[in-house]
PDB file of all heavy atoms in Angstrom:
ATOM      1  N   TRP A   1     131.661  94.037  78.957  1.00  0.00           N
ATOM      2  CA  TRP A   1     133.005  93.420  79.075  1.00  0.00           C
ATOM      3  C   TRP A   1     133.818  94.364  79.936  1.00  0.00           C
ATOM      4  O   TRP A   1     133.819  95.580  79.781  1.00  0.00           O
ATOM      5  CB  TRP A   1     133.685  93.268  77.762  1.00  0.00           C
ATOM      6  CG  TRP A   1     133.042  92.248  76.818  1.00  0.00           C
ATOM      7  CD1 TRP A   1     132.143  92.386  75.838  1.00  0.00           C
ATOM      8  CD2 TRP A   1     133.325  90.791  76.979  1.00  0.00           C
ATOM      9  NE1 TRP A   1     131.854  91.219  75.338  1.00  0.00           N
ATOM     10  CE2 TRP A   1     132.525  90.160  75.922  1.00  0.00           C
ATOM     11  CE3 TRP A   1     134.243  90.028  77.687  1.00  0.00           C
ATOM     12  CZ2 TRP A   1     132.650  88.828  75.735  1.00  0.00           C
ATOM     13  CZ3 TRP A   1     134.248  88.655  77.483  1.00  0.00           C
ATOM     14  CH2 TRP A   1     133.498  88.084  76.479  1.00  0.00           C
ATOM     15  N   PHE A   2     134.567  93.741  80.868  1.00  0.00           N
ATOM     16  CA  PHE A   2     135.495  94.480  81.677  1.00  0.00           C
ATOM     17  C   PHE A   2     136.857  93.719  81.517  1.00  0.00           C
ATOM     18  O   PHE A   2     136.846  92.549  81.126  1.00  0.00           O
ATOM     19  CB  PHE A   2     135.119  94.476  83.161  1.00  0.00           C
ATOM     20  CG  PHE A   2     134.051  95.433  83.506  1.00  0.00           C
ATOM     21  CD1 PHE A   2     132.649  95.129  83.205  1.00  0.00           C
ATOM     22  CD2 PHE A   2     134.297  96.643  84.126  1.00  0.00           C
ATOM     23  CE1 PHE A   2     131.684  95.986  83.487  1.00  0.00           C
ATOM     24  CE2 PHE A   2     133.280  97.535  84.463  1.00  0.00           C
ATOM     25  CZ  PHE A   2     131.996  97.240  84.140  1.00  0.00           C
ATOM     26  N   ARG A   3     137.960  94.398  81.912  1.00  0.00           N
ATOM     27  CA  ARG A   3     139.275  93.706  81.839  1.00  0.00           C
ATOM     28  C   ARG A   3     140.125  94.162  83.026  1.00  0.00           C
ATOM     29  O   ARG A   3     139.925  95.201  83.617  1.00  0.00           O
ATOM     30  CB  ARG A   3     140.014  93.982  80.573  1.00  0.00           C
ATOM     31  CG  ARG A   3     140.390  95.409  80.301  1.00  0.00           C
ATOM     32  CD  ARG A   3     141.018  95.697  78.929  1.00  0.00           C
ATOM     33  NE  ARG A   3     141.367  97.061  78.702  1.00  0.00           N
ATOM     34  CZ  ARG A   3     141.801  97.472  77.538  1.00  0.00           C
ATOM     35  NH1 ARG A   3     141.914  96.652  76.469  1.00  0.00           N
ATOM     36  NH2 ARG A   3     142.214  98.760  77.403  1.00  0.00           N
ATOM     37  N   GLN A   4     140.982  93.327  83.461  1.00  0.00           N
ATOM     38  CA  GLN A   4     141.950  93.651  84.509  1.00  0.00           C
ATOM     39  C   GLN A   4     143.292  93.124  84.242  1.00  0.00           C
ATOM     40  O   GLN A   4     143.554  91.967  83.992  1.00  0.00           O
ATOM     41  CB  GLN A   4     141.417  93.035  85.874  1.00  0.00           C
ATOM     42  CG  GLN A   4     142.224  93.450  87.032  1.00  0.00           C
ATOM     43  CD  GLN A   4     141.552  93.136  88.394  1.00  0.00           C
ATOM     44  OE1 GLN A   4     140.771  92.269  88.442  1.00  0.00           O
ATOM     45  NE2 GLN A   4     141.924  93.840  89.389  1.00  0.00           N
ATOM     46  N   ALA A   5     144.254  94.014  84.116  1.00  0.00           N
ATOM     47  CA  ALA A   5     145.608  93.720  83.842  1.00  0.00           C
ATOM     48  C   ALA A   5     146.357  93.504  85.241  1.00  0.00           C
ATOM     49  O   ALA A   5     145.874  93.986  86.181  1.00  0.00           O
ATOM     50  CB  ALA A   5     146.357  94.869  83.119  1.00  0.00           C
ATOM     51  N   PRO A   6     147.409  92.823  85.229  1.00  0.00           N
ATOM     52  CA  PRO A   6     148.174  92.521  86.443  1.00  0.00           C
ATOM     53  C   PRO A   6     148.526  93.864  87.149  1.00  0.00           C
ATOM     54  O   PRO A   6     149.050  94.746  86.584  1.00  0.00           O
ATOM     55  CB  PRO A   6     149.408  91.786  85.956  1.00  0.00           C
ATOM     56  CG  PRO A   6     148.983  91.157  84.661  1.00  0.00           C
ATOM     57  CD  PRO A   6     148.066  92.142  84.056  1.00  0.00           C
ATOM     58  N   GLY A   7     148.197  93.931  88.448  1.00  0.00           N
ATOM     59  CA  GLY A   7     148.595  95.065  89.199  1.00  0.00           C
ATOM     60  C   GLY A   7     147.674  96.343  88.986  1.00  0.00           C
ATOM     61  O   GLY A   7     147.999  97.354  89.515  1.00  0.00           O
ATOM     62  N   LYS A   8     146.610  96.159  88.226  1.00  0.00           N
ATOM     63  CA  LYS A   8     145.769  97.335  87.937  1.00  0.00           C
ATOM     64  C   LYS A   8     144.362  96.987  88.324  1.00  0.00           C
ATOM     65  O   LYS A   8     143.977  95.894  88.558  1.00  0.00           O
ATOM     66  CB  LYS A   8     145.827  97.677  86.423  1.00  0.00           C
ATOM     67  CG  LYS A   8     147.181  98.065  85.929  1.00  0.00           C
ATOM     68  CD  LYS A   8     147.111  98.571  84.503  1.00  0.00           C
ATOM     69  CE  LYS A   8     148.472  99.139  84.051  1.00  0.00           C
ATOM     70  NZ  LYS A   8     148.432  99.643  82.658  1.00  0.00           N
ATOM     71  N   GLU A   9     143.546  98.134  88.385  1.00  0.00           N
ATOM     72  CA  GLU A   9     142.166  97.973  88.816  1.00  0.00           C
ATOM     73  C   GLU A   9     141.442  97.381  87.554  1.00  0.00           C
ATOM     74  O   GLU A   9     141.796  97.586  86.384  1.00  0.00           O
ATOM     75  CB  GLU A   9     141.631  99.408  89.039  1.00  0.00           C
ATOM     76  CG  GLU A   9     142.192 100.002  90.305  1.00  0.00           C
ATOM     77  CD  GLU A   9     141.755  99.346  91.584  1.00  0.00           C
ATOM     78  OE1 GLU A   9     140.562  99.043  91.637  1.00  0.00           O
ATOM     79  OE2 GLU A   9     142.594  99.115  92.541  1.00  0.00           O
ATOM     80  N   ARG A  10     140.193  96.793  87.917  1.00  0.00           N
ATOM     81  CA  ARG A  10     139.415  96.361  86.812  1.00  0.00           C
ATOM     82  C   ARG A  10     138.860  97.554  86.002  1.00  0.00           C
ATOM     83  O   ARG A  10     138.520  98.592  86.586  1.00  0.00           O
ATOM     84  CB  ARG A  10     138.201  95.536  87.408  1.00  0.00           C
ATOM     85  CG  ARG A  10     137.303  94.906  86.336  1.00  0.00           C
ATOM     86  CD  ARG A  10     136.387  93.793  86.942  1.00  0.00           C
ATOM     87  NE  ARG A  10     135.790  94.241  88.107  1.00  0.00           N
ATOM     88  CZ  ARG A  10     135.071  93.392  88.866  1.00  0.00           C
ATOM     89  NH1 ARG A  10     134.997  92.151  88.569  1.00  0.00           N
ATOM     90  NH2 ARG A  10     134.507  93.843  90.027  1.00  0.00           N
ATOM     91  N   GLU A  11     138.830  97.441  84.699  1.00  0.00           N
ATOM     92  CA  GLU A  11     138.554  98.503  83.768  1.00  0.00           C
ATOM     93  C   GLU A  11     137.393  98.187  82.834  1.00  0.00           C
ATOM     94  O   GLU A  11     137.290  97.079  82.358  1.00  0.00           O
ATOM     95  CB  GLU A  11     139.782  98.838  82.877  1.00  0.00           C
ATOM     96  CG  GLU A  11     139.587  99.837  81.855  1.00  0.00           C
ATOM     97  CD  GLU A  11     140.818  99.916  80.918  1.00  0.00           C
ATOM     98  OE1 GLU A  11     141.473  98.874  80.800  1.00  0.00           O
ATOM     99  OE2 GLU A  11     141.004 100.926  80.348  1.00  0.00           O
ATOM    100  N   PHE A  12     136.392  99.145  82.745  1.00  0.00           N
ATOM    101  CA  PHE A  12     135.371  98.968  81.831  1.00  0.00           C
ATOM    102  C   PHE A  12     135.838  98.985  80.369  1.00  0.00           C
ATOM    103  O   PHE A  12     136.791  99.732  80.035  1.00  0.00           O
ATOM    104  CB  PHE A  12     134.373 100.115  81.951  1.00  0.00           C
ATOM    105  CG  PHE A  12     133.320 100.224  80.858  1.00  0.00           C
ATOM    106  CD1 PHE A  12     132.169  99.483  81.049  1.00  0.00           C
ATOM    107  CD2 PHE A  12     133.487 101.085  79.826  1.00  0.00           C
ATOM    108  CE1 PHE A  12     131.209  99.586  79.933  1.00  0.00           C
ATOM    109  CE2 PHE A  12     132.581 101.169  78.812  1.00  0.00           C
ATOM    110  CZ  PHE A  12     131.374 100.431  78.881  1.00  0.00           C
ATOM    111  N   VAL A  13     135.386  98.076  79.492  1.00  0.00           N
ATOM    112  CA  VAL A  13     135.747  98.027  78.112  1.00  0.00           C
ATOM    113  C   VAL A  13     134.568  98.444  77.226  1.00  0.00           C
ATOM    114  O   VAL A  13     134.746  99.322  76.418  1.00  0.00           O
ATOM    115  CB  VAL A  13     136.199  96.555  77.766  1.00  0.00           C
ATOM    116  CG1 VAL A  13     136.616  96.576  76.192  1.00  0.00           C
ATOM    117  CG2 VAL A  13     137.372  96.237  78.591  1.00  0.00           C
ATOM    118  N   ALA A  14     133.430  97.760  77.383  1.00  0.00           N
ATOM    119  CA  ALA A  14     132.292  97.982  76.490  1.00  0.00           C
ATOM    120  C   ALA A  14     131.035  97.490  77.092  1.00  0.00           C
ATOM    121  O   ALA A  14     131.015  96.526  77.956  1.00  0.00           O
ATOM    122  CB  ALA A  14     132.529  97.360  75.109  1.00  0.00           C
ATOM    123  N   ALA A  15     129.907  98.049  76.712  1.00  0.00           N
ATOM    124  CA  ALA A  15     128.567  97.605  77.242  1.00  0.00           C
ATOM    125  C   ALA A  15     127.609  97.652  76.110  1.00  0.00           C
ATOM    126  O   ALA A  15     127.726  98.395  75.143  1.00  0.00           O
ATOM    127  CB  ALA A  15     128.163  98.489  78.471  1.00  0.00           C
ATOM    128  N   ILE A  16     126.543  96.850  76.272  1.00  0.00           N
ATOM    129  CA  ILE A  16     125.481  96.771  75.178  1.00  0.00           C
ATOM    130  C   ILE A  16     124.190  96.533  75.834  1.00  0.00           C
ATOM    131  O   ILE A  16     124.002  95.888  76.805  1.00  0.00           O
ATOM    132  CB  ILE A  16     125.865  95.558  74.227  1.00  0.00           C
ATOM    133  CG1 ILE A  16     124.979  95.558  73.004  1.00  0.00           C
ATOM    134  CG2 ILE A  16     125.779  94.200  74.929  1.00  0.00           C
ATOM    135  CD1 ILE A  16     125.469  94.579  71.976  1.00  0.00           C
ATOM    136  N   ASN A  17     123.153  97.182  75.258  1.00  0.00           N
ATOM    137  CA  ASN A  17     121.815  97.084  75.795  1.00  0.00           C
ATOM    138  C   ASN A  17     121.247  95.711  75.312  1.00  0.00           C
ATOM    139  O   ASN A  17     121.807  94.938  74.560  1.00  0.00           O
ATOM    140  CB  ASN A  17     120.888  98.329  75.468  1.00  0.00           C
ATOM    141  CG  ASN A  17     120.376  98.186  74.030  1.00  0.00           C
ATOM    142  OD1 ASN A  17     121.071  97.768  73.119  1.00  0.00           O
ATOM    143  ND2 ASN A  17     119.180  98.704  73.834  1.00  0.00           N
ATOM    144  N   TRP A  18     120.032  95.473  75.763  1.00  0.00           N
ATOM    145  CA  TRP A  18     119.398  94.160  75.468  1.00  0.00           C
ATOM    146  C   TRP A  18     119.245  93.828  73.962  1.00  0.00           C
ATOM    147  O   TRP A  18     119.448  92.691  73.496  1.00  0.00           O
ATOM    148  CB  TRP A  18     118.039  94.033  76.094  1.00  0.00           C
ATOM    149  CG  TRP A  18     117.012  94.762  75.380  1.00  0.00           C
ATOM    150  CD1 TRP A  18     116.688  96.048  75.495  1.00  0.00           C
ATOM    151  CD2 TRP A  18     116.076  94.215  74.402  1.00  0.00           C
ATOM    152  NE1 TRP A  18     115.612  96.374  74.592  1.00  0.00           N
ATOM    153  CE2 TRP A  18     115.305  95.264  73.937  1.00  0.00           C
ATOM    154  CE3 TRP A  18     115.904  92.964  73.842  1.00  0.00           C
ATOM    155  CZ2 TRP A  18     114.286  95.157  73.013  1.00  0.00           C
ATOM    156  CZ3 TRP A  18     114.987  92.796  72.887  1.00  0.00           C
ATOM    157  CH2 TRP A  18     114.159  93.807  72.459  1.00  0.00           C
ATOM    158  N   SER A  19     119.016  94.862  73.205  1.00  0.00           N
ATOM    159  CA  SER A  19     118.690  94.631  71.774  1.00  0.00           C
ATOM    160  C   SER A  19     119.963  94.774  70.909  1.00  0.00           C
ATOM    161  O   SER A  19     119.954  94.361  69.724  1.00  0.00           O
ATOM    162  CB  SER A  19     117.731  95.588  71.266  1.00  0.00           C
ATOM    163  OG  SER A  19     118.207  96.927  71.246  1.00  0.00           O
ATOM    164  N   GLY A  20     121.083  95.329  71.444  1.00  0.00           N
ATOM    165  CA  GLY A  20     122.228  95.600  70.665  1.00  0.00           C
ATOM    166  C   GLY A  20     122.289  96.956  69.917  1.00  0.00           C
ATOM    167  O   GLY A  20     123.124  97.257  69.294  1.00  0.00           O
ATOM    168  N   ALA A  21     121.189  97.744  70.216  1.00  0.00           N
ATOM    169  CA  ALA A  21     121.095  98.978  69.472  1.00  0.00           C
ATOM    170  C   ALA A  21     121.902 100.059  70.111  1.00  0.00           C
ATOM    171  O   ALA A  21     122.244 101.090  69.499  1.00  0.00           O
ATOM    172  CB  ALA A  21     119.585  99.366  69.459  1.00  0.00           C
ATOM    173  N   THR A  22     122.205  99.965  71.396  1.00  0.00           N
ATOM    174  CA  THR A  22     123.053 100.904  72.126  1.00  0.00           C
ATOM    175  C   THR A  22     124.269 100.297  72.664  1.00  0.00           C
ATOM    176  O   THR A  22     124.246  99.252  73.286  1.00  0.00           O
ATOM    177  CB  THR A  22     122.233 101.538  73.308  1.00  0.00           C
ATOM    178  OG1 THR A  22     120.976 102.062  72.782  1.00  0.00           O
ATOM    179  CG2 THR A  22     123.046 102.621  73.994  1.00  0.00           C
ATOM    180  N   LYS A  23     125.419 100.996  72.405  1.00  0.00           N
ATOM    181  CA  LYS A  23     126.691 100.448  72.852  1.00  0.00           C
ATOM    182  C   LYS A  23     127.570 101.576  73.434  1.00  0.00           C
ATOM    183  O   LYS A  23     127.500 102.703  72.948  1.00  0.00           O
ATOM    184  CB  LYS A  23     127.427  99.874  71.684  1.00  0.00           C
ATOM    185  CG  LYS A  23     126.615  98.726  70.897  1.00  0.00           C
ATOM    186  CD  LYS A  23     127.309  98.226  69.715  1.00  0.00           C
ATOM    187  CE  LYS A  23     126.385  97.223  69.006  1.00  0.00           C
ATOM    188  NZ  LYS A  23     127.073  96.684  67.734  1.00  0.00           N
ATOM    189  N   PHE A  24     128.247 101.190  74.483  1.00  0.00           N
ATOM    190  CA  PHE A  24     129.217 102.120  75.102  1.00  0.00           C
ATOM    191  C   PHE A  24     130.571 101.562  74.957  1.00  0.00           C
ATOM    192  O   PHE A  24     130.779 100.278  75.115  1.00  0.00           O
ATOM    193  CB  PHE A  24     129.001 102.334  76.615  1.00  0.00           C
ATOM    194  CG  PHE A  24     127.693 103.056  76.934  1.00  0.00           C
ATOM    195  CD1 PHE A  24     127.256 103.087  78.300  1.00  0.00           C
ATOM    196  CD2 PHE A  24     126.947 103.702  76.032  1.00  0.00           C
ATOM    197  CE1 PHE A  24     126.112 103.760  78.628  1.00  0.00           C
ATOM    198  CE2 PHE A  24     125.765 104.362  76.355  1.00  0.00           C
ATOM    199  CZ  PHE A  24     125.334 104.417  77.652  1.00  0.00           C
ATOM    200  N   TYR A  25     131.663 102.339  74.773  1.00  0.00           N
ATOM    201  CA  TYR A  25     133.028 101.882  74.696  1.00  0.00           C
ATOM    202  C   TYR A  25     133.914 102.785  75.507  1.00  0.00           C
ATOM    203  O   TYR A  25     133.719 104.055  75.565  1.00  0.00           O
ATOM    204  CB  TYR A  25     133.590 101.886  73.256  1.00  0.00           C
ATOM    205  CG  TYR A  25     132.866 100.873  72.306  1.00  0.00           C
ATOM    206  CD1 TYR A  25     131.838 101.316  71.525  1.00  0.00           C
ATOM    207  CD2 TYR A  25     133.272  99.606  72.310  1.00  0.00           C
ATOM    208  CE1 TYR A  25     131.253 100.423  70.634  1.00  0.00           C
ATOM    209  CE2 TYR A  25     132.683  98.718  71.445  1.00  0.00           C
ATOM    210  CZ  TYR A  25     131.594  99.110  70.592  1.00  0.00           C
ATOM    211  OH  TYR A  25     131.014  98.186  69.717  1.00  0.00           O
ATOM    212  N   THR A  26     134.938 102.308  76.123  1.00  0.00           N
ATOM    213  CA  THR A  26     135.961 103.147  76.634  1.00  0.00           C
ATOM    214  C   THR A  26     136.803 103.690  75.524  1.00  0.00           C
ATOM    215  O   THR A  26     136.923 103.045  74.461  1.00  0.00           O
ATOM    216  CB  THR A  26     136.822 102.321  77.680  1.00  0.00           C
ATOM    217  OG1 THR A  26     137.657 103.235  78.395  1.00  0.00           O
ATOM    218  CG2 THR A  26     137.718 101.335  77.005  1.00  0.00           C
ATOM    219  N   ASP A  27     137.349 104.832  75.724  1.00  0.00           N
ATOM    220  CA  ASP A  27     138.069 105.542  74.600  1.00  0.00           C
ATOM    221  C   ASP A  27     139.191 104.760  73.963  1.00  0.00           C
ATOM    222  O   ASP A  27     139.324 104.832  72.743  1.00  0.00           O
ATOM    223  CB  ASP A  27     138.630 106.927  75.136  1.00  0.00           C
ATOM    224  CG  ASP A  27     137.468 107.946  75.295  1.00  0.00           C
ATOM    225  OD1 ASP A  27     136.390 107.730  74.824  1.00  0.00           O
ATOM    226  OD2 ASP A  27     137.687 108.993  75.909  1.00  0.00           O
ATOM    227  N   SER A  28     139.874 104.020  74.824  1.00  0.00           N
ATOM    228  CA  SER A  28     141.083 103.363  74.353  1.00  0.00           C
ATOM    229  C   SER A  28     140.755 102.219  73.341  1.00  0.00           C
ATOM    230  O   SER A  28     141.716 101.681  72.620  1.00  0.00           O
ATOM    231  CB  SER A  28     141.965 102.874  75.444  1.00  0.00           C
ATOM    232  OG  SER A  28     141.210 101.877  76.215  1.00  0.00           O
ATOM    233  N   VAL A  29     139.522 101.803  73.258  1.00  0.00           N
ATOM    234  CA  VAL A  29     139.218 100.722  72.376  1.00  0.00           C
ATOM    235  C   VAL A  29     138.290 101.127  71.255  1.00  0.00           C
ATOM    236  O   VAL A  29     138.004 100.259  70.332  1.00  0.00           O
ATOM    237  CB  VAL A  29     138.583  99.485  73.098  1.00  0.00           C
ATOM    238  CG1 VAL A  29     139.471  99.078  74.283  1.00  0.00           C
ATOM    239  CG2 VAL A  29     137.140  99.825  73.588  1.00  0.00           C
ATOM    240  N   LYS A  30     137.827 102.312  71.191  1.00  0.00           N
ATOM    241  CA  LYS A  30     136.951 102.781  70.097  1.00  0.00           C
ATOM    242  C   LYS A  30     137.656 102.639  68.766  1.00  0.00           C
ATOM    243  O   LYS A  30     138.822 103.016  68.625  1.00  0.00           O
ATOM    244  CB  LYS A  30     136.561 104.243  70.350  1.00  0.00           C
ATOM    245  CG  LYS A  30     135.560 104.422  71.504  1.00  0.00           C
ATOM    246  CD  LYS A  30     135.207 105.815  71.738  1.00  0.00           C
ATOM    247  CE  LYS A  30     134.247 105.984  72.794  1.00  0.00           C
ATOM    248  NZ  LYS A  30     133.902 107.436  73.141  1.00  0.00           N
ATOM    249  N   GLY A  31     136.895 102.133  67.799  1.00  0.00           N
ATOM    250  CA  GLY A  31     137.504 101.892  66.472  1.00  0.00           C
ATOM    251  C   GLY A  31     138.250 100.628  66.407  1.00  0.00           C
ATOM    252  O   GLY A  31     138.525 100.231  65.262  1.00  0.00           O
ATOM    253  N   ARG A  32     138.543  99.902  67.446  1.00  0.00           N
ATOM    254  CA  ARG A  32     139.228  98.634  67.400  1.00  0.00           C
ATOM    255  C   ARG A  32     138.398  97.452  67.947  1.00  0.00           C
ATOM    256  O   ARG A  32     138.521  96.396  67.500  1.00  0.00           O
ATOM    257  CB  ARG A  32     140.524  98.766  68.226  1.00  0.00           C
ATOM    258  CG  ARG A  32     141.495  99.825  67.787  1.00  0.00           C
ATOM    259  CD  ARG A  32     142.858  99.638  68.448  1.00  0.00           C
ATOM    260  NE  ARG A  32     142.714  99.811  69.891  1.00  0.00           N
ATOM    261  CZ  ARG A  32     143.110  98.915  70.776  1.00  0.00           C
ATOM    262  NH1 ARG A  32     143.527  97.720  70.384  1.00  0.00           N
ATOM    263  NH2 ARG A  32     142.966  99.081  72.097  1.00  0.00           N
ATOM    264  N   PHE A  33     137.590  97.691  68.948  1.00  0.00           N
ATOM    265  CA  PHE A  33     136.761  96.717  69.557  1.00  0.00           C
ATOM    266  C   PHE A  33     135.270  96.940  69.171  1.00  0.00           C
ATOM    267  O   PHE A  33     134.828  98.014  69.065  1.00  0.00           O
ATOM    268  CB  PHE A  33     136.823  96.682  70.994  1.00  0.00           C
ATOM    269  CG  PHE A  33     138.225  96.244  71.558  1.00  0.00           C
ATOM    270  CD1 PHE A  33     139.327  96.091  70.785  1.00  0.00           C
ATOM    271  CD2 PHE A  33     138.327  95.952  72.936  1.00  0.00           C
ATOM    272  CE1 PHE A  33     140.539  95.689  71.287  1.00  0.00           C
ATOM    273  CE2 PHE A  33     139.511  95.604  73.478  1.00  0.00           C
ATOM    274  CZ  PHE A  33     140.629  95.471  72.673  1.00  0.00           C
ATOM    275  N   THR A  34     134.532  95.811  68.960  1.00  0.00           N
ATOM    276  CA  THR A  34     133.120  95.879  68.673  1.00  0.00           C
ATOM    277  C   THR A  34     132.381  94.895  69.594  1.00  0.00           C
ATOM    278  O   THR A  34     132.684  93.650  69.497  1.00  0.00           O
ATOM    279  CB  THR A  34     132.828  95.496  67.165  1.00  0.00           C
ATOM    280  OG1 THR A  34     133.579  96.437  66.345  1.00  0.00           O
ATOM    281  CG2 THR A  34     131.371  95.647  66.999  1.00  0.00           C
ATOM    282  N   ILE A  35     131.473  95.405  70.321  1.00  0.00           N
ATOM    283  CA  ILE A  35     130.570  94.484  71.195  1.00  0.00           C
ATOM    284  C   ILE A  35     129.356  94.194  70.434  1.00  0.00           C
ATOM    285  O   ILE A  35     128.769  95.056  69.744  1.00  0.00           O
ATOM    286  CB  ILE A  35     130.290  95.166  72.520  1.00  0.00           C
ATOM    287  CG1 ILE A  35     129.633  94.244  73.518  1.00  0.00           C
ATOM    288  CG2 ILE A  35     129.491  96.447  72.371  1.00  0.00           C
ATOM    289  CD1 ILE A  35     129.523  94.766  74.937  1.00  0.00           C
ATOM    290  N   SER A  36     128.874  92.984  70.532  1.00  0.00           N
ATOM    291  CA  SER A  36     127.609  92.558  69.867  1.00  0.00           C
ATOM    292  C   SER A  36     127.062  91.420  70.650  1.00  0.00           C
ATOM    293  O   SER A  36     127.623  90.920  71.590  1.00  0.00           O
ATOM    294  CB  SER A  36     127.921  92.146  68.440  1.00  0.00           C
ATOM    295  OG  SER A  36     128.733  91.014  68.377  1.00  0.00           O
ATOM    296  N   ARG A  37     125.843  91.025  70.241  1.00  0.00           N
ATOM    297  CA  ARG A  37     125.167  89.904  70.942  1.00  0.00           C
ATOM    298  C   ARG A  37     124.200  89.176  70.034  1.00  0.00           C
ATOM    299  O   ARG A  37     123.624  89.826  69.082  1.00  0.00           O
ATOM    300  CB  ARG A  37     124.410  90.388  72.185  1.00  0.00           C
ATOM    301  CG  ARG A  37     123.277  91.335  71.866  1.00  0.00           C
ATOM    302  CD  ARG A  37     122.722  92.036  73.266  1.00  0.00           C
ATOM    303  NE  ARG A  37     122.283  91.058  74.191  1.00  0.00           N
ATOM    304  CZ  ARG A  37     122.104  91.303  75.459  1.00  0.00           C
ATOM    305  NH1 ARG A  37     122.360  92.589  75.905  1.00  0.00           N
ATOM    306  NH2 ARG A  37     121.650  90.412  76.277  1.00  0.00           N
TER     307      ARG A  37
END
């Protein structure tokens, strides 16, 4: 998942590998957002 706010660059939010076992998050969303599949 990426996001883009008005007037700002597109920003990485979270990523997940094929199985869901590995996840990356940007610091600003850790503890608040959960990526899954």
